[in-house]
């Protein structure tokens, strides 16, 4: 194990290779699924490049297994349970992700520990959460929790890294569907609304627990948030240049629209009056009204 409480990259790489081959997935197929080159996957499996927890979750989802299943895999390729303990099986199909359709959302591809941690953070907050409470939610012992995660901070960072990675991948896919800056702007608003309703728990924890991150982790997540804002800012700037959006306070208007979307987890509920898709339609209309020039406002 590494000093951070994770398996070493060379061991995990070997486990990834075995899990991939047992599922009949080629190296090139895995590379396509996680949007990297085959050479990068090869380096990961050989343990010659760093492997973040967010990337490990992405790989597990692409293979069709859970992270604990990968970590319980015998790196020699032998079948059967490993000596690491009880295998933890994901309780449902993984999120299809933006590679399938950026508007589609399935169950989160989290192991039972991260699912339990997310529930605990939502209900009692990061500082109110305890490893013992997370273990109880997961149906595991406290030592069993530490087998997969070094502590609360690592759990929180893993959850937020996954959230931001998924958010940015969906933003990229949404942008590809637009024919011009106004359409792409609307698609970004739609994407943000769908994410912050379908993934309301992630959005809520991301907003509420930014202050709970260690300084290095906080900077990492802040940089990813800035990248998402730029998806919107760039379309606004292009539309202003073409005379399609109002130029006065355009930057501030764009920021207020993004904030309007990211605030959805504070009030939207799955059993409420409007579905995510209905909210998205309303918000796109509101956002365009805020940005369009007066001569195009009725278009």
Protein backbone atom coordinates (compact mmCIF):
# COMPACT_ATOMS: atom_id res chain seq x y z
CA UNK A 1 0.00 0.00 0.00
CA UNK A 2 1.13 3.58 -0.60
CA UNK A 3 1.47 6.16 2.13
CA UNK A 4 -1.88 7.60 1.02
CA UNK A 5 -3.62 4.32 1.83
CA UNK A 6 -4.07 3.29 -1.81
CA UNK A 7 -2.65 0.28 -3.61
CA UNK A 8 0.53 1.05 -5.54
CA UNK A 9 0.07 2.03 -9.20
CA UNK A 10 1.94 -1.03 -10.49
CA UNK A 11 -0.26 -3.43 -8.51
CA UNK A 12 -3.46 -1.59 -9.48
CA UNK A 13 -2.36 -1.49 -13.12
CA UNK A 14 -1.93 -5.25 -13.14
CA UNK A 15 -5.35 -5.67 -11.55
CA UNK A 16 -6.89 -3.42 -14.21
CA UNK A 17 -5.31 -5.52 -16.96
CA UNK A 18 -6.69 -8.76 -15.49
CA UNK A 19 -10.18 -7.27 -14.96
CA UNK A 20 -10.19 -5.91 -18.51
CA UNK A 21 -9.14 -9.18 -20.13
CA UNK A 22 -11.60 -11.21 -18.04
CA UNK A 23 -14.38 -8.97 -19.40
CA UNK A 24 -13.16 -9.45 -22.97
CA UNK A 25 -12.37 -5.77 -23.45
CA UNK A 26 -9.40 -4.95 -25.62
CA UNK A 27 -6.76 -2.41 -24.64
CA UNK A 28 -7.89 -0.21 -27.53
CA UNK A 29 -11.51 -0.61 -26.47
CA UNK A 30 -10.73 0.62 -22.97
CA UNK A 31 -8.71 3.51 -24.40
CA UNK A 32 -11.67 4.59 -26.55
CA UNK A 33 -14.06 4.32 -23.60
CA UNK A 34 -12.03 6.61 -21.35
CA UNK A 35 -10.89 8.93 -24.18
CA UNK A 36 -7.14 8.35 -23.98
CA UNK A 37 -4.61 6.71 -26.28
CA UNK A 38 -3.89 2.96 -26.16
CA UNK A 39 -0.34 3.87 -25.13
CA UNK A 40 -1.69 5.64 -22.06
CA UNK A 41 -3.73 2.59 -21.05
CA UNK A 42 -0.65 0.43 -21.54
CA UNK A 43 1.38 2.73 -19.28
CA UNK A 44 -1.38 2.59 -16.64
CA UNK A 45 -1.49 -1.21 -16.72
CA UNK A 46 2.30 -1.38 -16.44
CA UNK A 47 2.25 0.98 -13.46
CA UNK A 48 4.42 3.52 -15.25
CA UNK A 49 2.10 6.49 -14.88
CA UNK A 50 0.18 7.95 -11.96
CA UNK A 51 -3.39 6.77 -11.51
CA UNK A 52 -5.85 9.15 -9.83
CA UNK A 53 -8.89 7.85 -8.00
CA UNK A 54 -11.14 9.66 -10.48
CA UNK A 55 -9.41 7.86 -13.38
CA UNK A 56 -9.72 4.53 -11.54
CA UNK A 57 -13.47 5.03 -11.20
CA UNK A 58 -13.67 5.93 -14.90
CA UNK A 59 -11.76 2.78 -15.86
CA UNK A 60 -13.92 0.60 -13.62
CA UNK A 61 -17.11 1.98 -15.19
CA UNK A 62 -15.73 1.38 -18.70
CA UNK A 63 -14.82 -2.23 -17.87
CA UNK A 64 -18.19 -2.80 -16.22
CA UNK A 65 -17.00 -3.56 -12.70
CA UNK A 66 -16.71 -1.65 -9.44
CA UNK A 67 -13.51 -0.20 -8.03
CA UNK A 68 -13.53 -2.70 -5.14
CA UNK A 69 -13.82 -5.53 -7.68
CA UNK A 70 -10.70 -4.26 -9.43
CA UNK A 71 -8.85 -3.93 -6.13
CA UNK A 72 -9.94 -7.46 -5.14
CA UNK A 73 -8.70 -8.91 -8.44
CA UNK A 74 -5.77 -11.30 -8.22
CA UNK A 75 -3.06 -9.54 -10.30
CA UNK A 76 -1.74 -12.93 -11.41
CA UNK A 77 -5.02 -13.62 -13.20
CA UNK A 78 -6.24 -16.37 -10.90
CA UNK A 79 -10.01 -16.61 -10.53
CA UNK A 80 -12.02 -16.56 -7.34
CA UNK A 81 -12.11 -14.20 -4.37
CA UNK A 82 -8.88 -12.53 -3.37
CA UNK A 83 -7.34 -12.65 0.07
CA UNK A 84 -8.25 -8.99 0.62
CA UNK A 85 -11.69 -9.68 2.04
CA UNK A 86 -15.30 -9.74 0.93
CA UNK A 87 -15.97 -8.56 -2.60
CA UNK A 88 -18.27 -5.54 -2.77
CA UNK A 89 -20.50 -5.61 -5.82
CA UNK A 90 -22.05 -2.44 -7.25
CA UNK A 91 -25.84 -2.61 -6.78
CA UNK A 92 -26.83 -1.66 -10.33
CA UNK A 93 -25.68 -0.70 -13.83
CA UNK A 94 -23.09 2.03 -14.07
CA UNK A 95 -23.82 5.50 -15.36
CA UNK A 96 -23.75 5.32 -19.19
CA UNK A 97 -21.84 8.62 -19.20
CA UNK A 98 -21.56 11.28 -21.88
CA UNK A 99 -20.05 8.87 -24.39
CA UNK A 100 -23.54 7.42 -24.77
CA UNK A 101 -25.70 10.55 -24.36
CA UNK A 102 -24.83 13.56 -22.23
CA UNK A 103 -28.50 13.92 -21.31
CA UNK A 104 -28.70 10.39 -19.89
CA UNK A 105 -28.00 9.61 -16.24
CA UNK A 106 -27.83 6.19 -14.63
CA UNK A 107 -26.88 5.14 -11.11
CA UNK A 108 -23.60 6.55 -9.86
CA UNK A 109 -20.68 4.16 -10.49
CA UNK A 110 -19.59 4.34 -6.85
CA UNK A 111 -18.62 1.47 -4.60
CA UNK A 112 -20.72 1.02 -1.48
CA UNK A 113 -18.26 3.02 0.62
CA UNK A 114 -18.45 6.12 -1.56
CA UNK A 115 -22.24 5.80 -1.79
CA UNK A 116 -22.40 5.67 2.00
CA UNK A 117 -19.98 8.60 2.33
CA UNK A 118 -22.07 10.69 -0.08
CA UNK A 119 -25.24 9.97 1.91
CA UNK A 120 -23.46 10.82 5.16
CA UNK A 121 -22.09 14.10 3.79
CA UNK A 122 -25.54 15.10 2.51
CA UNK A 123 -27.31 14.32 5.76
CA UNK A 124 -24.85 15.46 8.45
CA UNK A 125 -22.16 17.37 6.55
CA UNK A 126 -18.47 16.58 6.20
CA UNK A 127 -17.51 17.70 9.70
CA UNK A 128 -20.46 15.91 11.26
CA UNK A 129 -19.70 12.68 9.39
CA UNK A 130 -17.60 9.97 11.00
CA UNK A 131 -15.84 6.98 9.47
CA UNK A 132 -17.81 4.82 11.87
CA UNK A 133 -21.08 6.32 10.59
CA UNK A 134 -20.02 5.78 6.98
CA UNK A 135 -19.06 2.19 7.77
CA UNK A 136 -22.47 1.59 9.35
CA UNK A 137 -24.23 2.92 6.24
CA UNK A 138 -22.04 0.73 4.04
CA UNK A 139 -22.55 -2.37 6.20
CA UNK A 140 -18.82 -2.70 6.76
CA UNK A 141 -16.41 -2.58 9.66
CA UNK A 142 -14.25 0.50 10.20
CA UNK A 143 -11.10 -1.43 9.15
CA UNK A 144 -12.97 -2.50 6.03
CA UNK A 145 -13.48 1.16 5.11
CA UNK A 146 -9.76 1.86 5.39
CA UNK A 147 -9.03 -1.00 3.01
CA UNK A 148 -10.35 1.18 0.17
CA UNK A 149 -10.16 4.79 1.38
CA UNK A 150 -7.64 6.48 3.67
CA UNK A 151 -10.23 8.69 5.38
CA UNK A 152 -13.00 11.24 5.01
CA UNK A 153 -10.89 13.76 3.10
CA UNK A 154 -9.96 11.19 0.47
CA UNK A 155 -13.59 10.11 0.16
CA UNK A 156 -14.76 13.70 -0.30
CA UNK A 157 -12.07 14.43 -2.87
CA UNK A 158 -12.83 11.23 -4.80
CA UNK A 159 -16.52 12.14 -4.93
CA UNK A 160 -15.83 15.70 -6.09
CA UNK A 161 -13.19 14.63 -8.63
CA UNK A 162 -15.70 12.22 -10.14
CA UNK A 163 -18.40 14.92 -10.16
CA UNK A 164 -16.19 17.46 -11.90
CA UNK A 165 -14.80 14.95 -14.40
CA UNK A 166 -18.31 13.85 -15.34
CA UNK A 167 -19.52 17.46 -15.48
CA UNK A 168 -16.74 18.54 -17.85
CA UNK A 169 -17.07 15.50 -20.10
CA UNK A 170 -20.79 16.17 -20.47
CA UNK A 171 -20.10 19.86 -21.12
CA UNK A 172 -17.71 18.89 -23.91
CA UNK A 173 -20.27 16.53 -25.44
CA UNK A 174 -23.02 19.17 -25.21
CA UNK A 175 -20.83 21.76 -26.95
CA UNK A 176 -20.26 19.39 -29.88
CA UNK A 177 -24.02 19.29 -30.50
CA UNK A 178 -24.35 23.05 -31.06
CA UNK A 179 -24.21 24.76 -34.47
CA UNK A 180 -23.44 28.29 -33.22
CA UNK A 181 -22.69 30.21 -30.02
CA UNK A 182 -26.33 30.90 -29.12
CA UNK A 183 -27.30 27.24 -29.53
CA UNK A 184 -24.17 26.06 -27.73
CA UNK A 185 -24.90 28.51 -24.89
CA UNK A 186 -28.39 27.04 -24.52
CA UNK A 187 -26.98 23.52 -24.51
CA UNK A 188 -24.53 24.45 -21.74
CA UNK A 189 -27.38 25.79 -19.63
CA UNK A 190 -29.40 22.65 -20.32
CA UNK A 191 -26.42 20.48 -19.38
CA UNK A 192 -25.86 22.35 -16.11
CA UNK A 193 -29.52 22.06 -15.14
CA UNK A 194 -29.68 18.34 -15.94
CA UNK A 195 -26.49 17.65 -13.98
CA UNK A 196 -27.58 19.64 -10.92
CA UNK A 197 -30.96 17.89 -10.80
CA UNK A 198 -30.06 14.32 -11.81
CA UNK A 199 -26.91 14.65 -9.70
CA UNK A 200 -28.40 16.90 -7.01
CA UNK A 201 -26.57 15.14 -4.16
CA UNK A 202 -23.21 15.63 -5.87
CA UNK A 203 -24.04 19.25 -6.58
CA UNK A 204 -25.14 19.86 -3.01
CA UNK A 205 -22.00 18.34 -1.49
CA UNK A 206 -19.81 20.13 -4.03
CA UNK A 207 -21.25 23.50 -3.05
CA UNK A 208 -21.57 22.91 0.68
CA UNK A 209 -18.24 21.21 1.32
CA UNK A 210 -15.80 23.30 -0.74
CA UNK A 211 -14.57 24.77 2.54
CA UNK A 212 -13.91 21.27 3.91
CA UNK A 213 -11.27 20.41 1.31
CA UNK A 214 -7.59 20.56 2.12
CA UNK A 215 -5.84 23.51 0.42
CA UNK A 216 -4.33 21.43 -2.41
CA UNK A 217 -7.60 19.63 -3.04
CA UNK A 218 -9.49 22.92 -2.93
CA UNK A 219 -7.26 24.41 -5.62
CA UNK A 220 -7.73 21.34 -7.82
CA UNK A 221 -11.52 21.48 -7.63
CA UNK A 222 -11.56 25.28 -8.07
CA UNK A 223 -9.56 24.92 -11.29
CA UNK A 224 -12.06 22.38 -12.61
CA UNK A 225 -14.96 24.69 -11.73
CA UNK A 226 -13.26 27.48 -13.65
CA UNK A 227 -13.04 25.24 -16.72
CA UNK A 228 -16.80 24.67 -16.59
CA UNK A 229 -17.47 28.39 -16.34
CA UNK A 230 -15.30 28.94 -19.41
CA UNK A 231 -17.55 26.68 -21.47
CA UNK A 232 -20.30 29.24 -20.91
CA UNK A 233 -18.08 32.34 -21.05
CA UNK A 234 -16.62 31.41 -24.43
CA UNK A 235 -20.03 31.01 -26.06
CA UNK A 236 -21.21 34.29 -24.55
CA UNK A 237 -18.11 36.12 -25.82
CA UNK A 238 -18.59 34.71 -29.33
CA UNK A 239 -22.28 35.63 -29.36
CA UNK A 240 -21.51 39.17 -28.17
CA UNK A 241 -18.90 39.56 -30.91
CA UNK A 242 -21.49 38.52 -33.51
CA UNK A 243 -24.02 40.97 -32.09
CA UNK A 244 -26.34 38.18 -30.96
CA UNK A 245 -26.01 38.75 -27.20
CA UNK A 246 -26.12 42.00 -25.26
CA UNK A 247 -22.65 43.36 -24.63
CA UNK A 248 -23.36 45.27 -21.43
CA UNK A 249 -22.48 43.22 -18.34
CA UNK A 250 -22.39 40.05 -20.46
CA UNK A 251 -19.74 38.43 -18.27
CA UNK A 252 -21.69 39.12 -15.08
CA UNK A 253 -24.92 37.89 -16.65
CA UNK A 254 -23.22 34.64 -17.64
CA UNK A 255 -21.94 34.15 -14.10
CA UNK A 256 -25.39 34.75 -12.64
CA UNK A 257 -26.90 32.18 -15.01
CA UNK A 258 -24.36 29.52 -14.02
CA UNK A 259 -24.99 30.29 -10.34
CA UNK A 260 -28.74 29.97 -10.95
CA UNK A 261 -28.12 26.46 -12.34
CA UNK A 262 -25.69 25.31 -9.64
CA UNK A 263 -28.10 26.44 -6.91
CA UNK A 264 -30.73 23.92 -8.03
CA UNK A 265 -29.71 21.23 -5.49
CA UNK A 266 -30.72 23.59 -2.68
CA UNK A 267 -34.40 23.47 -3.62
CA UNK A 268 -35.18 21.01 -6.44
CA UNK A 269 -36.58 17.65 -5.37
CA UNK A 270 -37.19 14.52 -7.51
CA UNK A 271 -40.79 14.31 -6.28
CA UNK A 272 -41.47 17.99 -6.96
CA UNK A 273 -43.61 19.68 -9.57
CA UNK A 274 -41.08 19.76 -12.41
CA UNK A 275 -38.84 17.12 -13.93
CA UNK A 276 -35.17 17.88 -14.69
CA UNK A 277 -36.04 18.21 -18.37
CA UNK A 278 -38.87 20.68 -17.66
CA UNK A 279 -36.62 22.77 -15.43
CA UNK A 280 -33.94 22.73 -18.13
CA UNK A 281 -36.39 24.03 -20.73
CA UNK A 282 -37.47 26.84 -18.41
CA UNK A 283 -33.91 27.82 -17.51
CA UNK A 284 -32.71 27.87 -21.12
CA UNK A 285 -35.55 30.26 -21.94
CA UNK A 286 -34.74 32.49 -18.97
CA UNK A 287 -31.03 32.47 -19.77
CA UNK A 288 -31.56 33.44 -23.39
CA UNK A 289 -33.89 36.24 -22.35
CA UNK A 290 -31.13 37.59 -20.13
CA UNK A 291 -28.52 37.46 -22.87
CA UNK A 292 -30.25 38.17 -26.19
CA UNK A 293 -30.16 41.63 -27.72
CA UNK A 294 -33.44 43.53 -27.65
CA UNK A 295 -33.97 43.11 -31.38
CA UNK A 296 -33.70 39.31 -31.07
CA UNK A 297 -35.39 38.80 -27.74
CA UNK A 298 -38.56 37.39 -29.29
CA UNK A 299 -36.72 34.99 -31.61
